[in-house]
Amino acid sequence: MDDWNTEEIIVACNFYAAVEKYYENGIDTSEFMDLYEKYLKLVPAKMYQKQLDKKFNEVSGYSIYKAIQTIKKTNKKFIKG
């Protein structure tokens, strides 16, 4: 994260905002998955994903992992966590 450029920081922030939106108001599943795909390109290593999820959870109280798992399992176009 320390070596991310501005564009990469924006990708990460947009994804984190989508996770918050999922829990607070609900989100379009295709919008969420599009942002998740971009996030995966930025953070391809599972170990690093877990570290960022833990830090994000500590700050926000929201689990990225649980949001992703729920959205992957649904057929709904709009979902709220």
PDB file of N, CA and C in Angstrom:
ATOM      1  N   MET A   1       0.824  -1.197   0.000  1.00  0.00           N
ATOM      2  CA  MET A   1       0.000   0.000   0.000  1.00  0.00           C
ATOM      3  C   MET A   1       0.867   1.259   0.000  1.00  0.00           C
ATOM      4  N   ASP A   2       2.016   1.177   0.635  1.00  0.00           N
ATOM      5  CA  ASP A   2       2.895   2.343   0.686  1.00  0.00           C
ATOM      6  C   ASP A   2       3.408   2.740  -0.692  1.00  0.00           C
ATOM      7  N   ASP A   3       3.470   1.769  -1.592  1.00  0.00           N
ATOM      8  CA  ASP A   3       4.008   2.061  -2.917  1.00  0.00           C
ATOM      9  C   ASP A   3       2.923   2.224  -3.980  1.00  0.00           C
ATOM     10  N   TRP A   4       1.677   2.375  -3.578  1.00  0.00           N
ATOM     11  CA  TRP A   4       0.585   2.581  -4.533  1.00  0.00           C
ATOM     12  C   TRP A   4       0.635   4.004  -5.087  1.00  0.00           C
ATOM     13  N   ASN A   5       0.313   4.121  -6.374  1.00  0.00           N
ATOM     14  CA  ASN A   5       0.207   5.451  -6.967  1.00  0.00           C
ATOM     15  C   ASN A   5      -1.219   5.976  -6.769  1.00  0.00           C
ATOM     16  N   THR A   6      -1.478   7.160  -7.217  1.00  0.00           N
ATOM     17  CA  THR A   6      -2.782   7.802  -6.998  1.00  0.00           C
ATOM     18  C   THR A   6      -3.926   6.984  -7.583  1.00  0.00           C
ATOM     19  N   GLU A   7      -3.744   6.482  -8.788  1.00  0.00           N
ATOM     20  CA  GLU A   7      -4.796   5.694  -9.444  1.00  0.00           C
ATOM     21  C   GLU A   7      -5.109   4.422  -8.653  1.00  0.00           C
ATOM     22  N   GLU A   8      -4.083   3.777  -8.132  1.00  0.00           N
ATOM     23  CA  GLU A   8      -4.275   2.552  -7.351  1.00  0.00           C
ATOM     24  C   GLU A   8      -4.969   2.850  -6.024  1.00  0.00           C
ATOM     25  N   ILE A   9      -4.639   3.968  -5.416  1.00  0.00           N
ATOM     26  CA  ILE A   9      -5.312   4.366  -4.177  1.00  0.00           C
ATOM     27  C   ILE A   9      -6.794   4.609  -4.443  1.00  0.00           C
ATOM     28  N   ILE A  10      -7.104   5.211  -5.572  1.00  0.00           N
ATOM     29  CA  ILE A  10      -8.503   5.455  -5.938  1.00  0.00           C
ATOM     30  C   ILE A  10      -9.243   4.134  -6.135  1.00  0.00           C
ATOM     31  N   VAL A  11      -8.606   3.161  -6.782  1.00  0.00           N
ATOM     32  CA  VAL A  11      -9.214   1.837  -6.978  1.00  0.00           C
ATOM     33  C   VAL A  11      -9.536   1.211  -5.624  1.00  0.00           C
ATOM     34  N   ALA A  12      -8.576   1.245  -4.709  1.00  0.00           N
ATOM     35  CA  ALA A  12      -8.779   0.665  -3.383  1.00  0.00           C
ATOM     36  C   ALA A  12      -9.879   1.404  -2.622  1.00  0.00           C
ATOM     37  N   CYS A  13      -9.857   2.717  -2.648  1.00  0.00           N
ATOM     38  CA  CYS A  13     -10.873   3.512  -1.946  1.00  0.00           C
ATOM     39  C   CYS A  13     -12.266   3.261  -2.503  1.00  0.00           C
ATOM     40  N   ASN A  14     -12.372   3.153  -3.827  1.00  0.00           N
ATOM     41  CA  ASN A  14     -13.670   2.863  -4.441  1.00  0.00           C
ATOM     42  C   ASN A  14     -14.189   1.501  -4.005  1.00  0.00           C
ATOM     43  N   PHE A  15     -13.294   0.519  -3.912  1.00  0.00           N
ATOM     44  CA  PHE A  15     -13.717  -0.808  -3.468  1.00  0.00           C
ATOM     45  C   PHE A  15     -14.130  -0.781  -1.997  1.00  0.00           C
ATOM     46  N   TYR A  16     -13.348  -0.122  -1.154  1.00  0.00           N
ATOM     47  CA  TYR A  16     -13.707  -0.030   0.265  1.00  0.00           C
ATOM     48  C   TYR A  16     -15.043   0.692   0.440  1.00  0.00           C
ATOM     49  N   ALA A  17     -15.286   1.709  -0.355  1.00  0.00           N
ATOM     50  CA  ALA A  17     -16.569   2.423  -0.312  1.00  0.00           C
ATOM     51  C   ALA A  17     -17.706   1.496  -0.729  1.00  0.00           C
ATOM     52  N   ALA A  18     -17.445   0.619  -1.695  1.00  0.00           N
ATOM     53  CA  ALA A  18     -18.465  -0.340  -2.130  1.00  0.00           C
ATOM     54  C   ALA A  18     -18.787  -1.334  -1.024  1.00  0.00           C
ATOM     55  N   VAL A  19     -17.776  -1.753  -0.276  1.00  0.00           N
ATOM     56  CA  VAL A  19     -18.007  -2.663   0.851  1.00  0.00           C
ATOM     57  C   VAL A  19     -18.874  -1.962   1.899  1.00  0.00           C
ATOM     58  N   GLU A  20     -18.550  -0.721   2.212  1.00  0.00           N
ATOM     59  CA  GLU A  20     -19.360   0.045   3.164  1.00  0.00           C
ATOM     60  C   GLU A  20     -20.785   0.215   2.652  1.00  0.00           C
ATOM     61  N   LYS A  21     -20.924   0.494   1.376  1.00  0.00           N
ATOM     62  CA  LYS A  21     -22.244   0.665   0.767  1.00  0.00           C
ATOM     63  C   LYS A  21     -23.048  -0.629   0.873  1.00  0.00           C
ATOM     64  N   TYR A  22     -22.389  -1.763   0.649  1.00  0.00           N
ATOM     65  CA  TYR A  22     -23.039  -3.072   0.773  1.00  0.00           C
ATOM     66  C   TYR A  22     -23.656  -3.228   2.160  1.00  0.00           C
ATOM     67  N   TYR A  23     -22.917  -2.903   3.188  1.00  0.00           N
ATOM     68  CA  TYR A  23     -23.402  -3.073   4.558  1.00  0.00           C
ATOM     69  C   TYR A  23     -24.415  -2.006   4.965  1.00  0.00           C
ATOM     70  N   GLU A  24     -24.255  -0.791   4.504  1.00  0.00           N
ATOM     71  CA  GLU A  24     -25.085   0.314   4.984  1.00  0.00           C
ATOM     72  C   GLU A  24     -26.367   0.524   4.189  1.00  0.00           C
ATOM     73  N   ASN A  25     -26.275   0.526   2.863  1.00  0.00           N
ATOM     74  CA  ASN A  25     -27.443   0.851   2.037  1.00  0.00           C
ATOM     75  C   ASN A  25     -27.793  -0.225   1.030  1.00  0.00           C
ATOM     76  N   GLY A  26     -26.865  -1.117   0.774  1.00  0.00           N
ATOM     77  CA  GLY A  26     -27.033  -2.104  -0.277  1.00  0.00           C
ATOM     78  C   GLY A  26     -26.353  -1.623  -1.547  1.00  0.00           C
ATOM     79  N   ILE A  27     -26.046  -2.572  -2.429  1.00  0.00           N
ATOM     80  CA  ILE A  27     -25.308  -2.236  -3.647  1.00  0.00           C
ATOM     81  C   ILE A  27     -25.716  -3.167  -4.778  1.00  0.00           C
ATOM     82  N   ASP A  28     -25.610  -2.659  -5.978  1.00  0.00           N
ATOM     83  CA  ASP A  28     -25.822  -3.465  -7.170  1.00  0.00           C
ATOM     84  C   ASP A  28     -24.695  -4.501  -7.239  1.00  0.00           C
ATOM     85  N   THR A  29     -25.056  -5.771  -7.385  1.00  0.00           N
ATOM     86  CA  THR A  29     -24.036  -6.817  -7.340  1.00  0.00           C
ATOM     87  C   THR A  29     -23.026  -6.705  -8.480  1.00  0.00           C
ATOM     88  N   SER A  30     -23.473  -6.308  -9.656  1.00  0.00           N
ATOM     89  CA  SER A  30     -22.525  -6.189 -10.775  1.00  0.00           C
ATOM     90  C   SER A  30     -21.557  -5.023 -10.550  1.00  0.00           C
ATOM     91  N   GLU A  31     -22.043  -3.937  -9.959  1.00  0.00           N
ATOM     92  CA  GLU A  31     -21.163  -2.807  -9.626  1.00  0.00           C
ATOM     93  C   GLU A  31     -20.097  -3.251  -8.627  1.00  0.00           C
ATOM     94  N   PHE A  32     -20.539  -3.989  -7.598  1.00  0.00           N
ATOM     95  CA  PHE A  32     -19.615  -4.471  -6.577  1.00  0.00           C
ATOM     96  C   PHE A  32     -18.562  -5.384  -7.197  1.00  0.00           C
ATOM     97  N   MET A  33     -19.000  -6.325  -8.026  1.00  0.00           N
ATOM     98  CA  MET A  33     -18.066  -7.279  -8.616  1.00  0.00           C
ATOM     99  C   MET A  33     -17.086  -6.602  -9.576  1.00  0.00           C
ATOM    100  N   ASP A  34     -17.530  -5.578 -10.279  1.00  0.00           N
ATOM    101  CA  ASP A  34     -16.618  -4.823 -11.152  1.00  0.00           C
ATOM    102  C   ASP A  34     -15.506  -4.171 -10.327  1.00  0.00           C
ATOM    103  N   LEU A  35     -15.894  -3.562  -9.217  1.00  0.00           N
ATOM    104  CA  LEU A  35     -14.902  -2.926  -8.345  1.00  0.00           C
ATOM    105  C   LEU A  35     -13.994  -3.972  -7.698  1.00  0.00           C
ATOM    106  N   TYR A  36     -14.567  -5.129  -7.374  1.00  0.00           N
ATOM    107  CA  TYR A  36     -13.782  -6.220  -6.784  1.00  0.00           C
ATOM    108  C   TYR A  36     -12.737  -6.736  -7.776  1.00  0.00           C
ATOM    109  N   GLU A  37     -13.115  -6.870  -9.038  1.00  0.00           N
ATOM    110  CA  GLU A  37     -12.169  -7.326 -10.075  1.00  0.00           C
ATOM    111  C   GLU A  37     -10.975  -6.368 -10.168  1.00  0.00           C
ATOM    112  N   LYS A  38     -11.246  -5.078 -10.138  1.00  0.00           N
ATOM    113  CA  LYS A  38     -10.168  -4.080 -10.188  1.00  0.00           C
ATOM    114  C   LYS A  38      -9.284  -4.180  -8.941  1.00  0.00           C
ATOM    115  N   TYR A  39      -9.927  -4.398  -7.795  1.00  0.00           N
ATOM    116  CA  TYR A  39      -9.207  -4.535  -6.529  1.00  0.00           C
ATOM    117  C   TYR A  39      -8.290  -5.763  -6.570  1.00  0.00           C
ATOM    118  N   LEU A  40      -8.785  -6.869  -7.147  1.00  0.00           N
ATOM    119  CA  LEU A  40      -7.975  -8.083  -7.236  1.00  0.00           C
ATOM    120  C   LEU A  40      -6.733  -7.881  -8.099  1.00  0.00           C
ATOM    121  N   LYS A  41      -6.849  -7.070  -9.130  1.00  0.00           N
ATOM    122  CA  LYS A  41      -5.677  -6.773  -9.960  1.00  0.00           C
ATOM    123  C   LYS A  41      -4.648  -5.968  -9.168  1.00  0.00           C
ATOM    124  N   LEU A  42      -5.145  -5.137  -8.273  1.00  0.00           N
ATOM    125  CA  LEU A  42      -4.283  -4.314  -7.433  1.00  0.00           C
ATOM    126  C   LEU A  42      -3.655  -5.135  -6.308  1.00  0.00           C
ATOM    127  N   VAL A  43      -4.455  -6.052  -5.738  1.00  0.00           N
ATOM    128  CA  VAL A  43      -4.024  -6.861  -4.593  1.00  0.00           C
ATOM    129  C   VAL A  43      -4.238  -8.341  -4.924  1.00  0.00           C
ATOM    130  N   PRO A  44      -3.389  -8.928  -5.762  1.00  0.00           N
ATOM    131  CA  PRO A  44      -3.608 -10.313  -6.175  1.00  0.00           C
ATOM    132  C   PRO A  44      -3.247 -11.360  -5.110  1.00  0.00           C
ATOM    133  N   ALA A  45      -2.371 -11.034  -4.185  1.00  0.00           N
ATOM    134  CA  ALA A  45      -1.915 -12.001  -3.184  1.00  0.00           C
ATOM    135  C   ALA A  45      -2.942 -12.162  -2.064  1.00  0.00           C
ATOM    136  N   LYS A  46      -3.369 -13.407  -1.826  1.00  0.00           N
ATOM    137  CA  LYS A  46      -4.370 -13.704  -0.792  1.00  0.00           C
ATOM    138  C   LYS A  46      -3.913 -13.233   0.587  1.00  0.00           C
ATOM    139  N   MET A  47      -2.653 -13.445   0.897  1.00  0.00           N
ATOM    140  CA  MET A  47      -2.153 -13.053   2.210  1.00  0.00           C
ATOM    141  C   MET A  47      -2.298 -11.541   2.422  1.00  0.00           C
ATOM    142  N   TYR A  48      -1.964 -10.774   1.396  1.00  0.00           N
ATOM    143  CA  TYR A  48      -2.081  -9.316   1.485  1.00  0.00           C
ATOM    144  C   TYR A  48      -3.550  -8.901   1.558  1.00  0.00           C
ATOM    145  N   GLN A  49      -4.416  -9.609   0.825  1.00  0.00           N
ATOM    146  CA  GLN A  49      -5.855  -9.339   0.895  1.00  0.00           C
ATOM    147  C   GLN A  49      -6.358  -9.537   2.320  1.00  0.00           C
ATOM    148  N   LYS A  50      -5.913 -10.619   2.957  1.00  0.00           N
ATOM    149  CA  LYS A  50      -6.337 -10.904   4.333  1.00  0.00           C
ATOM    150  C   LYS A  50      -5.854  -9.823   5.301  1.00  0.00           C
ATOM    151  N   GLN A  51      -4.625  -9.357   5.097  1.00  0.00           N
ATOM    152  CA  GLN A  51      -4.088  -8.300   5.959  1.00  0.00           C
ATOM    153  C   GLN A  51      -4.896  -7.012   5.811  1.00  0.00           C
ATOM    154  N   LEU A  52      -5.206  -6.659   4.564  1.00  0.00           N
ATOM    155  CA  LEU A  52      -5.983  -5.440   4.324  1.00  0.00           C
ATOM    156  C   LEU A  52      -7.405  -5.585   4.850  1.00  0.00           C
ATOM    157  N   ASP A  53      -7.983  -6.787   4.706  1.00  0.00           N
ATOM    158  CA  ASP A  53      -9.328  -7.041   5.228  1.00  0.00           C
ATOM    159  C   ASP A  53      -9.339  -6.868   6.745  1.00  0.00           C
ATOM    160  N   LYS A  54      -8.328  -7.398   7.405  1.00  0.00           N
ATOM    161  CA  LYS A  54      -8.246  -7.280   8.864  1.00  0.00           C
ATOM    162  C   LYS A  54      -8.155  -5.815   9.291  1.00  0.00           C
ATOM    163  N   LYS A  55      -7.302  -5.051   8.610  1.00  0.00           N
ATOM    164  CA  LYS A  55      -7.158  -3.626   8.940  1.00  0.00           C
ATOM    165  C   LYS A  55      -8.453  -2.864   8.665  1.00  0.00           C
ATOM    166  N   PHE A  56      -9.081  -3.169   7.531  1.00  0.00           N
ATOM    167  CA  PHE A  56     -10.337  -2.511   7.171  1.00  0.00           C
ATOM    168  C   PHE A  56     -11.419  -2.843   8.199  1.00  0.00           C
ATOM    169  N   ASN A  57     -11.462  -4.100   8.633  1.00  0.00           N
ATOM    170  CA  ASN A  57     -12.447  -4.531   9.624  1.00  0.00           C
ATOM    171  C   ASN A  57     -12.226  -3.823  10.957  1.00  0.00           C
ATOM    172  N   GLU A  58     -10.982  -3.658  11.351  1.00  0.00           N
ATOM    173  CA  GLU A  58     -10.671  -2.970  12.611  1.00  0.00           C
ATOM    174  C   GLU A  58     -11.155  -1.526  12.591  1.00  0.00           C
ATOM    175  N   VAL A  59     -11.024  -0.879  11.447  1.00  0.00           N
ATOM    176  CA  VAL A  59     -11.391   0.529  11.323  1.00  0.00           C
ATOM    177  C   VAL A  59     -12.893   0.708  11.109  1.00  0.00           C
ATOM    178  N   SER A  60     -13.477  -0.131  10.263  1.00  0.00           N
ATOM    179  CA  SER A  60     -14.872   0.071   9.856  1.00  0.00           C
ATOM    180  C   SER A  60     -15.871  -0.854  10.546  1.00  0.00           C
ATOM    181  N   GLY A  61     -15.397  -2.011  10.990  1.00  0.00           N
ATOM    182  CA  GLY A  61     -16.303  -3.015  11.537  1.00  0.00           C
ATOM    183  C   GLY A  61     -16.924  -3.892  10.459  1.00  0.00           C
ATOM    184  N   TYR A  62     -16.494  -3.720   9.208  1.00  0.00           N
ATOM    185  CA  TYR A  62     -17.043  -4.474   8.081  1.00  0.00           C
ATOM    186  C   TYR A  62     -16.019  -5.473   7.556  1.00  0.00           C
ATOM    187  N   SER A  63     -16.497  -6.669   7.214  1.00  0.00           N
ATOM    188  CA  SER A  63     -15.633  -7.705   6.671  1.00  0.00           C
ATOM    189  C   SER A  63     -15.723  -7.734   5.148  1.00  0.00           C
ATOM    190  N   ILE A  64     -14.606  -7.494   4.497  1.00  0.00           N
ATOM    191  CA  ILE A  64     -14.547  -7.591   3.039  1.00  0.00           C
ATOM    192  C   ILE A  64     -14.836  -9.031   2.628  1.00  0.00           C
ATOM    193  N   TYR A  65     -14.199  -9.977   3.311  1.00  0.00           N
ATOM    194  CA  TYR A  65     -14.346 -11.394   2.976  1.00  0.00           C
ATOM    195  C   TYR A  65     -15.807 -11.835   3.024  1.00  0.00           C
ATOM    196  N   LYS A  66     -16.507 -11.494   4.097  1.00  0.00           N
ATOM    197  CA  LYS A  66     -17.913 -11.904   4.227  1.00  0.00           C
ATOM    198  C   LYS A  66     -18.787 -11.261   3.159  1.00  0.00           C
ATOM    199  N   ALA A  67     -18.514 -10.018   2.835  1.00  0.00           N
ATOM    200  CA  ALA A  67     -19.280  -9.336   1.785  1.00  0.00           C
ATOM    201  C   ALA A  67     -19.084 -10.036   0.448  1.00  0.00           C
ATOM    202  N   ILE A  68     -17.853 -10.357   0.121  1.00  0.00           N
ATOM    203  CA  ILE A  68     -17.554 -11.017  -1.151  1.00  0.00           C
ATOM    204  C   ILE A  68     -18.214 -12.389  -1.212  1.00  0.00           C
ATOM    205  N   GLN A  69     -18.097 -13.157  -0.138  1.00  0.00           N
ATOM    206  CA  GLN A  69     -18.687 -14.494  -0.131  1.00  0.00           C
ATOM    207  C   GLN A  69     -20.201 -14.441  -0.309  1.00  0.00           C
ATOM    208  N   THR A  70     -20.855 -13.512   0.355  1.00  0.00           N
ATOM    209  CA  THR A  70     -22.307 -13.381   0.239  1.00  0.00           C
ATOM    210  C   THR A  70     -22.705 -12.969  -1.172  1.00  0.00           C
ATOM    211  N   ILE A  71     -22.017 -12.013  -1.724  1.00  0.00           N
ATOM    212  CA  ILE A  71     -22.361 -11.519  -3.059  1.00  0.00           C
ATOM    213  C   ILE A  71     -22.099 -12.580  -4.123  1.00  0.00           C
ATOM    214  N   LYS A  72     -21.041 -13.356  -3.973  1.00  0.00           N
ATOM    215  CA  LYS A  72     -20.751 -14.417  -4.940  1.00  0.00           C
ATOM    216  C   LYS A  72     -21.843 -15.490  -4.950  1.00  0.00           C
ATOM    217  N   LYS A  73     -22.503 -15.697  -3.815  1.00  0.00           N
ATOM    218  CA  LYS A  73     -23.507 -16.757  -3.692  1.00  0.00           C
ATOM    219  C   LYS A  73     -24.905 -16.327  -4.110  1.00  0.00           C
ATOM    220  N   THR A  74     -25.124 -15.055  -4.333  1.00  0.00           N
ATOM    221  CA  THR A  74     -26.474 -14.571  -4.606  1.00  0.00           C
ATOM    222  C   THR A  74     -26.763 -14.475  -6.099  1.00  0.00           C
ATOM    223  N   ASN A  75     -28.033 -14.556  -6.417  1.00  0.00           N
ATOM    224  CA  ASN A  75     -28.498 -14.330  -7.791  1.00  0.00           C
ATOM    225  C   ASN A  75     -29.192 -12.975  -7.899  1.00  0.00           C
ATOM    226  N   LYS A  76     -29.253 -12.262  -6.774  1.00  0.00           N
ATOM    227  CA  LYS A  76     -29.944 -10.975  -6.751  1.00  0.00           C
ATOM    228  C   LYS A  76     -29.118  -9.907  -7.456  1.00  0.00           C
ATOM    229  N   LYS A  77     -29.816  -8.945  -8.048  1.00  0.00           N
ATOM    230  CA  LYS A  77     -29.130  -7.832  -8.710  1.00  0.00           C
ATOM    231  C   LYS A  77     -28.718  -6.764  -7.708  1.00  0.00           C
ATOM    232  N   PHE A  78     -29.421  -6.712  -6.577  1.00  0.00           N
ATOM    233  CA  PHE A  78     -29.142  -5.720  -5.539  1.00  0.00           C
ATOM    234  C   PHE A  78     -29.130  -6.454  -4.209  1.00  0.00           C
ATOM    235  N   ILE A  79     -28.146  -6.173  -3.377  1.00  0.00           N
ATOM    236  CA  ILE A  79     -28.045  -6.887  -2.105  1.00  0.00           C
ATOM    237  C   ILE A  79     -27.536  -5.953  -1.016  1.00  0.00           C
ATOM    238  N   LYS A  80     -28.017  -6.217   0.198  1.00  0.00           N
ATOM    239  CA  LYS A  80     -27.569  -5.461   1.367  1.00  0.00           C
ATOM    240  C   LYS A  80     -27.110  -6.450   2.424  1.00  0.00           C
ATOM    241  N   GLY A  81     -25.968  -6.136   3.061  1.00  0.00           N
ATOM    242  CA  GLY A  81     -25.399  -7.029   4.071  1.00  0.00           C
ATOM    243  C   GLY A  81     -25.937  -6.774   5.437  1.00  0.00           C
TER     244      GLY A  81
END
